PDB file of N, CA and C in Angstrom:
ATOM      1  N   MET A   1       5.081  11.995   0.239  1.00  0.00           N
ATOM      2  CA  MET A   1       4.121  11.467   1.172  1.00  0.00           C
ATOM      3  C   MET A   1       4.846  10.866   2.374  1.00  0.00           C
ATOM      4  N   LYS A   2       5.939  10.181   2.161  1.00  0.00           N
ATOM      5  CA  LYS A   2       6.676   9.581   3.249  1.00  0.00           C
ATOM      6  C   LYS A   2       7.221  10.654   4.178  1.00  0.00           C
ATOM      7  N   ARG A   3       7.605  11.777   3.582  1.00  0.00           N
ATOM      8  CA  ARG A   3       8.167  12.864   4.364  1.00  0.00           C
ATOM      9  C   ARG A   3       7.150  13.353   5.386  1.00  0.00           C
ATOM     10  N   SER A   4       5.926  13.561   4.964  1.00  0.00           N
ATOM     11  CA  SER A   4       4.912  14.065   5.883  1.00  0.00           C
ATOM     12  C   SER A   4       4.575  13.023   6.942  1.00  0.00           C
ATOM     13  N   LYS A   5       4.609  11.756   6.572  1.00  0.00           N
ATOM     14  CA  LYS A   5       4.334  10.704   7.550  1.00  0.00           C
ATOM     15  C   LYS A   5       5.433  10.660   8.608  1.00  0.00           C
ATOM     16  N   LEU A   6       6.686  10.739   8.157  1.00  0.00           N
ATOM     17  CA  LEU A   6       7.788  10.717   9.109  1.00  0.00           C
ATOM     18  C   LEU A   6       7.754  11.941  10.015  1.00  0.00           C
ATOM     19  N   TYR A   7       7.469  13.066   9.433  1.00  0.00           N
ATOM     20  CA  TYR A   7       7.402  14.298  10.203  1.00  0.00           C
ATOM     21  C   TYR A   7       6.258  14.236  11.214  1.00  0.00           C
ATOM     22  N   SER A   8       5.112  13.744  10.795  1.00  0.00           N
ATOM     23  CA  SER A   8       3.964  13.623  11.699  1.00  0.00           C
ATOM     24  C   SER A   8       4.261  12.646  12.826  1.00  0.00           C
ATOM     25  N   LEU A   9       4.916  11.552  12.475  1.00  0.00           N
ATOM     26  CA  LEU A   9       5.266  10.555  13.481  1.00  0.00           C
ATOM     27  C   LEU A   9       6.230  11.138  14.502  1.00  0.00           C
ATOM     28  N   ALA A  10       7.205  11.890  14.013  1.00  0.00           N
ATOM     29  CA  ALA A  10       8.169  12.510  14.923  1.00  0.00           C
ATOM     30  C   ALA A  10       7.486  13.535  15.823  1.00  0.00           C
ATOM     31  N   LEU A  11       6.600  14.316  15.254  1.00  0.00           N
ATOM     32  CA  LEU A  11       5.886  15.303  16.061  1.00  0.00           C
ATOM     33  C   LEU A  11       4.984  14.637  17.093  1.00  0.00           C
ATOM     34  N   ALA A  12       4.322  13.572  16.674  1.00  0.00           N
ATOM     35  CA  ALA A  12       3.452  12.855  17.601  1.00  0.00           C
ATOM     36  C   ALA A  12       4.272  12.242  18.735  1.00  0.00           C
ATOM     37  N   GLY A  13       5.423  11.702  18.391  1.00  0.00           N
ATOM     38  CA  GLY A  13       6.300  11.144  19.421  1.00  0.00           C
ATOM     39  C   GLY A  13       6.774  12.213  20.380  1.00  0.00           C
ATOM     40  N   GLY A  14       7.133  13.361  19.853  1.00  0.00           N
ATOM     41  CA  GLY A  14       7.561  14.475  20.705  1.00  0.00           C
ATOM     42  C   GLY A  14       6.439  14.950  21.605  1.00  0.00           C
ATOM     43  N   ALA A  15       5.242  15.006  21.062  1.00  0.00           N
ATOM     44  CA  ALA A  15       4.097  15.447  21.863  1.00  0.00           C
ATOM     45  C   ALA A  15       3.812  14.456  22.986  1.00  0.00           C
ATOM     46  N   LEU A  16       3.899  13.175  22.689  1.00  0.00           N
ATOM     47  CA  LEU A  16       3.669  12.162  23.723  1.00  0.00           C
ATOM     48  C   LEU A  16       4.714  12.255  24.829  1.00  0.00           C
ATOM     49  N   LEU A  17       5.939  12.457  24.432  1.00  0.00           N
ATOM     50  CA  LEU A  17       6.996  12.581  25.435  1.00  0.00           C
ATOM     51  C   LEU A  17       6.795  13.831  26.299  1.00  0.00           C
ATOM     52  N   ALA A  18       6.433  14.910  25.654  1.00  0.00           N
ATOM     53  CA  ALA A  18       6.238  16.157  26.391  1.00  0.00           C
ATOM     54  C   ALA A  18       5.030  16.070  27.317  1.00  0.00           C
ATOM     55  N   LEU A  19       3.951  15.468  26.852  1.00  0.00           N
ATOM     56  CA  LEU A  19       2.750  15.350  27.675  1.00  0.00           C
ATOM     57  C   LEU A  19       2.923  14.336  28.795  1.00  0.00           C
ATOM     58  N   GLY A  20       3.730  13.324  28.546  1.00  0.00           N
ATOM     59  CA  GLY A  20       3.942  12.295  29.555  1.00  0.00           C
ATOM     60  C   GLY A  20       4.696  12.819  30.763  1.00  0.00           C
ATOM     61  N   GLY A  21       5.450  13.857  30.590  1.00  0.00           N
ATOM     62  CA  GLY A  21       6.170  14.443  31.701  1.00  0.00           C
ATOM     63  C   GLY A  21       7.393  13.642  32.112  1.00  0.00           C
ATOM     64  N   CYS A  22       7.646  12.551  31.456  1.00  0.00           N
ATOM     65  CA  CYS A  22       8.776  11.720  31.858  1.00  0.00           C
ATOM     66  C   CYS A  22       9.957  11.895  30.913  1.00  0.00           C
ATOM     67  N   ALA A  23       9.841  12.832  30.027  1.00  0.00           N
ATOM     68  CA  ALA A  23      10.922  13.056  29.081  1.00  0.00           C
ATOM     69  C   ALA A  23      11.899  14.067  29.655  1.00  0.00           C
ATOM     70  N   ALA A  24      13.128  13.703  29.648  1.00  0.00           N
ATOM     71  CA  ALA A  24      14.163  14.613  30.110  1.00  0.00           C
ATOM     72  C   ALA A  24      14.517  15.559  28.980  1.00  0.00           C
ATOM     73  N   LYS A  25      15.189  16.640  29.351  1.00  0.00           N
ATOM     74  CA  LYS A  25      15.575  17.624  28.342  1.00  0.00           C
ATOM     75  C   LYS A  25      16.486  16.984  27.293  1.00  0.00           C
ATOM     76  N   SER A  26      17.336  16.081  27.705  1.00  0.00           N
ATOM     77  CA  SER A  26      18.236  15.425  26.753  1.00  0.00           C
ATOM     78  C   SER A  26      17.442  14.552  25.770  1.00  0.00           C
ATOM     79  N   ASP A  27      16.344  13.952  26.258  1.00  0.00           N
ATOM     80  CA  ASP A  27      15.488  13.161  25.371  1.00  0.00           C
ATOM     81  C   ASP A  27      14.852  14.047  24.308  1.00  0.00           C
ATOM     82  N   LEU A  28      14.393  15.218  24.736  1.00  0.00           N
ATOM     83  CA  LEU A  28      13.774  16.136  23.781  1.00  0.00           C
ATOM     84  C   LEU A  28      14.792  16.644  22.775  1.00  0.00           C
ATOM     85  N   GLU A  29      15.988  16.924  23.239  1.00  0.00           N
ATOM     86  CA  GLU A  29      17.035  17.382  22.322  1.00  0.00           C
ATOM     87  C   GLU A  29      17.393  16.281  21.327  1.00  0.00           C
ATOM     88  N   ALA A  30      17.441  15.042  21.809  1.00  0.00           N
ATOM     89  CA  ALA A  30      17.720  13.919  20.912  1.00  0.00           C
ATOM     90  C   ALA A  30      16.609  13.777  19.878  1.00  0.00           C
ATOM     91  N   LEU A  31      15.376  13.959  20.312  1.00  0.00           N
ATOM     92  CA  LEU A  31      14.242  13.868  19.392  1.00  0.00           C
ATOM     93  C   LEU A  31      14.287  14.992  18.366  1.00  0.00           C
ATOM     94  N   ARG A  32      14.606  16.189  18.829  1.00  0.00           N
ATOM     95  CA  ARG A  32      14.725  17.324  17.893  1.00  0.00           C
ATOM     96  C   ARG A  32      15.836  17.073  16.882  1.00  0.00           C
ATOM     97  N   SER A  33      16.924  16.515  17.363  1.00  0.00           N
ATOM     98  CA  SER A  33      18.033  16.200  16.465  1.00  0.00           C
ATOM     99  C   SER A  33      17.610  15.156  15.443  1.00  0.00           C
ATOM    100  N   GLU A  34      16.875  14.166  15.893  1.00  0.00           N
ATOM    101  CA  GLU A  34      16.402  13.128  14.978  1.00  0.00           C
ATOM    102  C   GLU A  34      15.424  13.703  13.960  1.00  0.00           C
ATOM    103  N   ILE A  35      14.559  14.596  14.400  1.00  0.00           N
ATOM    104  CA  ILE A  35      13.616  15.258  13.489  1.00  0.00           C
ATOM    105  C   ILE A  35      14.381  16.059  12.445  1.00  0.00           C
ATOM    106  N   ALA A  36      15.429  16.763  12.877  1.00  0.00           N
ATOM    107  CA  ALA A  36      16.238  17.537  11.935  1.00  0.00           C
ATOM    108  C   ALA A  36      16.889  16.605  10.911  1.00  0.00           C
ATOM    109  N   GLY A  37      17.339  15.444  11.376  1.00  0.00           N
ATOM    110  CA  GLY A  37      17.928  14.475  10.461  1.00  0.00           C
ATOM    111  C   GLY A  37      16.915  13.952   9.459  1.00  0.00           C
ATOM    112  N   VAL A  38      15.706  13.694   9.945  1.00  0.00           N
ATOM    113  CA  VAL A  38      14.640  13.219   9.053  1.00  0.00           C
ATOM    114  C   VAL A  38      14.298  14.287   8.024  1.00  0.00           C
ATOM    115  N   ARG A  39      14.247  15.524   8.463  1.00  0.00           N
ATOM    116  CA  ARG A  39      13.969  16.624   7.524  1.00  0.00           C
ATOM    117  C   ARG A  39      15.047  16.701   6.456  1.00  0.00           C
ATOM    118  N   ALA A  40      16.310  16.609   6.891  1.00  0.00           N
ATOM    119  CA  ALA A  40      17.418  16.691   5.930  1.00  0.00           C
ATOM    120  C   ALA A  40      17.339  15.544   4.929  1.00  0.00           C
ATOM    121  N   THR A  41      17.034  14.362   5.423  1.00  0.00           N
ATOM    122  CA  THR A  41      16.902  13.206   4.541  1.00  0.00           C
ATOM    123  C   THR A  41      15.752  13.403   3.556  1.00  0.00           C
ATOM    124  N   ALA A  42      14.636  13.904   4.046  1.00  0.00           N
ATOM    125  CA  ALA A  42      13.476  14.134   3.184  1.00  0.00           C
ATOM    126  C   ALA A  42      13.779  15.202   2.137  1.00  0.00           C
ATOM    127  N   GLN A  43      14.484  16.246   2.525  1.00  0.00           N
ATOM    128  CA  GLN A  43      14.828  17.295   1.568  1.00  0.00           C
ATOM    129  C   GLN A  43      15.783  16.771   0.508  1.00  0.00           C
ATOM    130  N   ALA A  44      16.739  15.952   0.929  1.00  0.00           N
ATOM    131  CA  ALA A  44      17.675  15.372  -0.033  1.00  0.00           C
ATOM    132  C   ALA A  44      16.934  14.459  -1.007  1.00  0.00           C
ATOM    133  N   ALA A  45      15.999  13.684  -0.498  1.00  0.00           N
ATOM    134  CA  ALA A  45      15.212  12.798  -1.360  1.00  0.00           C
ATOM    135  C   ALA A  45      14.359  13.607  -2.327  1.00  0.00           C
ATOM    136  N   ASP A  46      13.808  14.712  -1.844  1.00  0.00           N
ATOM    137  CA  ASP A  46      13.002  15.576  -2.709  1.00  0.00           C
ATOM    138  C   ASP A  46      13.856  16.170  -3.828  1.00  0.00           C
ATOM    139  N   GLU A  47      15.060  16.596  -3.490  1.00  0.00           N
ATOM    140  CA  GLU A  47      15.956  17.147  -4.505  1.00  0.00           C
ATOM    141  C   GLU A  47      16.328  16.091  -5.542  1.00  0.00           C
ATOM    142  N   LYS A  48      16.613  14.882  -5.080  1.00  0.00           N
ATOM    143  CA  LYS A  48      16.950  13.810  -6.012  1.00  0.00           C
ATOM    144  C   LYS A  48      15.764  13.474  -6.909  1.00  0.00           C
ATOM    145  N   ALA A  49      14.583  13.477  -6.345  1.00  0.00           N
ATOM    146  CA  ALA A  49      13.387  13.187  -7.139  1.00  0.00           C
ATOM    147  C   ALA A  49      13.167  14.275  -8.184  1.00  0.00           C
ATOM    148  N   THR A  50      13.402  15.512  -7.808  1.00  0.00           N
ATOM    149  CA  THR A  50      13.254  16.617  -8.751  1.00  0.00           C
ATOM    150  C   THR A  50      14.261  16.486  -9.890  1.00  0.00           C
ATOM    151  N   GLN A  51      15.501  16.133  -9.547  1.00  0.00           N
ATOM    152  CA  GLN A  51      16.524  15.936 -10.574  1.00  0.00           C
ATOM    153  C   GLN A  51      16.169  14.760 -11.479  1.00  0.00           C
ATOM    154  N   ALA A  52      15.681  13.693 -10.897  1.00  0.00           N
ATOM    155  CA  ALA A  52      15.299  12.520 -11.684  1.00  0.00           C
ATOM    156  C   ALA A  52      14.156  12.850 -12.630  1.00  0.00           C
ATOM    157  N   LEU A  53      13.195  13.633 -12.160  1.00  0.00           N
ATOM    158  CA  LEU A  53      12.080  14.036 -13.014  1.00  0.00           C
ATOM    159  C   LEU A  53      12.576  14.886 -14.170  1.00  0.00           C
ATOM    160  N   SER A  54      13.494  15.772 -13.890  1.00  0.00           N
ATOM    161  CA  SER A  54      14.061  16.611 -14.944  1.00  0.00           C
ATOM    162  C   SER A  54      14.790  15.763 -15.987  1.00  0.00           C
ATOM    163  N   LYS A  55      15.568  14.794 -15.509  1.00  0.00           N
ATOM    164  CA  LYS A  55      16.289  13.908 -16.429  1.00  0.00           C
ATOM    165  C   LYS A  55      15.317  13.057 -17.232  1.00  0.00           C
ATOM    166  N   ALA A  56      14.254  12.608 -16.604  1.00  0.00           N
ATOM    167  CA  ALA A  56      13.252  11.802 -17.311  1.00  0.00           C
ATOM    168  C   ALA A  56      12.559  12.628 -18.382  1.00  0.00           C
ATOM    169  N   ASP A  57      12.244  13.875 -18.071  1.00  0.00           N
ATOM    170  CA  ASP A  57      11.631  14.754 -19.070  1.00  0.00           C
ATOM    171  C   ASP A  57      12.569  14.971 -20.254  1.00  0.00           C
ATOM    172  N   GLN A  58      13.858  15.165 -19.958  1.00  0.00           N
ATOM    173  CA  GLN A  58      14.839  15.363 -21.029  1.00  0.00           C
ATOM    174  C   GLN A  58      14.963  14.097 -21.870  1.00  0.00           C
ATOM    175  N   ALA A  59      14.968  12.943 -21.216  1.00  0.00           N
ATOM    176  CA  ALA A  59      15.065  11.674 -21.946  1.00  0.00           C
ATOM    177  C   ALA A  59      13.847  11.466 -22.841  1.00  0.00           C
ATOM    178  N   ALA A  60      12.677  11.853 -22.360  1.00  0.00           N
ATOM    179  CA  ALA A  60      11.461  11.726 -23.164  1.00  0.00           C
ATOM    180  C   ALA A  60      11.542  12.644 -24.385  1.00  0.00           C
ATOM    181  N   ALA A  61      12.054  13.850 -24.191  1.00  0.00           N
ATOM    182  CA  ALA A  61      12.203  14.777 -25.312  1.00  0.00           C
ATOM    183  C   ALA A  61      13.215  14.234 -26.320  1.00  0.00           C
ATOM    184  N   ASP A  62      14.324  13.680 -25.825  1.00  0.00           N
ATOM    185  CA  ASP A  62      15.333  13.096 -26.717  1.00  0.00           C
ATOM    186  C   ASP A  62      14.751  11.915 -27.490  1.00  0.00           C
ATOM    187  N   ALA A  63      13.962  11.095 -26.806  1.00  0.00           N
ATOM    188  CA  ALA A  63      13.343   9.941 -27.473  1.00  0.00           C
ATOM    189  C   ALA A  63      12.370  10.391 -28.551  1.00  0.00           C
ATOM    190  N   ALA A  64      11.601  11.431 -28.278  1.00  0.00           N
ATOM    191  CA  ALA A  64      10.661  11.941 -29.280  1.00  0.00           C
ATOM    192  C   ALA A  64      11.409  12.471 -30.503  1.00  0.00           C
ATOM    193  N   ALA A  65      12.519  13.167 -30.254  1.00  0.00           N
ATOM    194  CA  ALA A  65      13.311  13.689 -31.368  1.00  0.00           C
ATOM    195  C   ALA A  65      13.917  12.543 -32.175  1.00  0.00           C
ATOM    196  N   ALA A  66      14.405  11.521 -31.484  1.00  0.00           N
ATOM    197  CA  ALA A  66      14.979  10.360 -32.177  1.00  0.00           C
ATOM    198  C   ALA A  66      13.917   9.634 -32.985  1.00  0.00           C
ATOM    199  N   LYS A  67      12.720   9.544 -32.456  1.00  0.00           N
ATOM    200  CA  LYS A  67      11.623   8.892 -33.179  1.00  0.00           C
ATOM    201  C   LYS A  67      11.311   9.652 -34.463  1.00  0.00           C
ATOM    202  N   GLN A  68      11.288  10.974 -34.360  1.00  0.00           N
ATOM    203  CA  GLN A  68      10.992  11.789 -35.531  1.00  0.00           C
ATOM    204  C   GLN A  68      12.107  11.640 -36.579  1.00  0.00           C
ATOM    205  N   GLU A  69      13.352  11.648 -36.127  1.00  0.00           N
ATOM    206  CA  GLU A  69      14.471  11.481 -37.065  1.00  0.00           C
ATOM    207  C   GLU A  69      14.429  10.105 -37.728  1.00  0.00           C
ATOM    208  N   ALA A  70      14.084   9.084 -36.945  1.00  0.00           N
ATOM    209  CA  ALA A  70      14.002   7.733 -37.498  1.00  0.00           C
ATOM    210  C   ALA A  70      12.880   7.635 -38.528  1.00  0.00           C
ATOM    211  N   ALA A  71      11.769   8.282 -38.257  1.00  0.00           N
ATOM    212  CA  ALA A  71      10.653   8.261 -39.211  1.00  0.00           C
ATOM    213  C   ALA A  71      11.052   8.951 -40.507  1.00  0.00           C
ATOM    214  N   MET A  72      11.761  10.066 -40.389  1.00  0.00           N
ATOM    215  CA  MET A  72      12.212  10.776 -41.593  1.00  0.00           C
ATOM    216  C   MET A  72      13.214   9.936 -42.377  1.00  0.00           C
ATOM    217  N   ALA A  73      14.136   9.271 -41.670  1.00  0.00           N
ATOM    218  CA  ALA A  73      15.125   8.429 -42.343  1.00  0.00           C
ATOM    219  C   ALA A  73      14.447   7.241 -43.014  1.00  0.00           C
ATOM    220  N   SER A  74      13.452   6.678 -42.357  1.00  0.00           N
ATOM    221  CA  SER A  74      12.719   5.542 -42.922  1.00  0.00           C
ATOM    222  C   SER A  74      11.968   5.966 -44.182  1.00  0.00           C
ATOM    223  N   GLU A  75      11.359   7.135 -44.114  1.00  0.00           N
ATOM    224  CA  GLU A  75      10.619   7.649 -45.284  1.00  0.00           C
ATOM    225  C   GLU A  75      11.578   7.890 -46.445  1.00  0.00           C
ATOM    226  N   LYS A  76      12.744   8.445 -46.161  1.00  0.00           N
ATOM    227  CA  LYS A  76      13.737   8.701 -47.208  1.00  0.00           C
ATOM    228  C   LYS A  76      14.216   7.385 -47.807  1.00  0.00           C
ATOM    229  N   ALA A  77      14.475   6.393 -46.960  1.00  0.00           N
ATOM    230  CA  ALA A  77      14.924   5.086 -47.450  1.00  0.00           C
ATOM    231  C   ALA A  77      13.843   4.439 -48.314  1.00  0.00           C
ATOM    232  N   ASP A  78      12.588   4.580 -47.924  1.00  0.00           N
ATOM    233  CA  ASP A  78      11.486   4.035 -48.719  1.00  0.00           C
ATOM    234  C   ASP A  78      11.427   4.702 -50.096  1.00  0.00           C
ATOM    235  N   ARG A  79      11.594   6.013 -50.131  1.00  0.00           N
ATOM    236  CA  ARG A  79      11.568   6.726 -51.421  1.00  0.00           C
ATOM    237  C   ARG A  79      12.699   6.255 -52.324  1.00  0.00           C
ATOM    238  N   ILE A  80      13.881   6.095 -51.729  1.00  0.00           N
ATOM    239  CA  ILE A  80      15.033   5.639 -52.521  1.00  0.00           C
ATOM    240  C   ILE A  80      14.809   4.215 -53.038  1.00  0.00           C
ATOM    241  N   PHE A  81      14.245   3.370 -52.172  1.00  0.00           N
ATOM    242  CA  PHE A  81      13.956   1.991 -52.561  1.00  0.00           C
ATOM    243  C   PHE A  81      12.941   1.933 -53.697  1.00  0.00           C
ATOM    244  N   ARG A  82      11.870   2.728 -53.568  1.00  0.00           N
ATOM    245  CA  ARG A  82      10.839   2.744 -54.608  1.00  0.00           C
ATOM    246  C   ARG A  82      11.386   3.280 -55.928  1.00  0.00           C
ATOM    247  N   ALA A  83      12.247   4.286 -55.838  1.00  0.00           N
ATOM    248  CA  ALA A  83      12.860   4.831 -57.046  1.00  0.00           C
ATOM    249  C   ALA A  83      13.726   3.781 -57.709  1.00  0.00           C
ATOM    250  N   GLY A  84      14.411   2.979 -56.923  1.00  0.00           N
ATOM    251  CA  GLY A  84      15.254   1.915 -57.476  1.00  0.00           C
ATOM    252  C   GLY A  84      14.422   0.848 -58.146  1.00  0.00           C
ATOM    253  N   LEU A  85      13.227   0.585 -57.630  1.00  0.00           N
ATOM    254  CA  LEU A  85      12.357  -0.426 -58.227  1.00  0.00           C
ATOM    255  C   LEU A  85      11.803   0.047 -59.575  1.00  0.00           C
ATOM    256  N   ARG A  86      11.598   1.346 -59.716  1.00  0.00           N
ATOM    257  CA  ARG A  86      11.029   1.865 -60.961  1.00  0.00           C
ATOM    258  C   ARG A  86      12.041   1.870 -62.101  1.00  0.00           C
ATOM    259  N   LYS A  87      13.278   1.751 -61.819  1.00  0.00           N
ATOM    260  CA  LYS A  87      14.299   1.808 -62.890  1.00  0.00           C
ATOM    261  C   LYS A  87      14.358   0.538 -63.660  1.00  0.00           C
TER     262      LYS A  87
END
């Protein structure tokens, strides 16, 4: 969402400069360069977010597997304990 806001803001700023007629070519080039930088930053953030989501999904899967193993170990320990009580 931030990416689209930044991009829209940059485009709106560029449009205002272009319509105002007071923007020099160097100003427009600087704005284009800044827009390119914002895009690169947004793409890098998107990639990091995608990687983080992937890691979070893997961590959730690992946690579910650990929970299942713990439940099985607990059940086994309970059976052994109950068997010891019956002796």
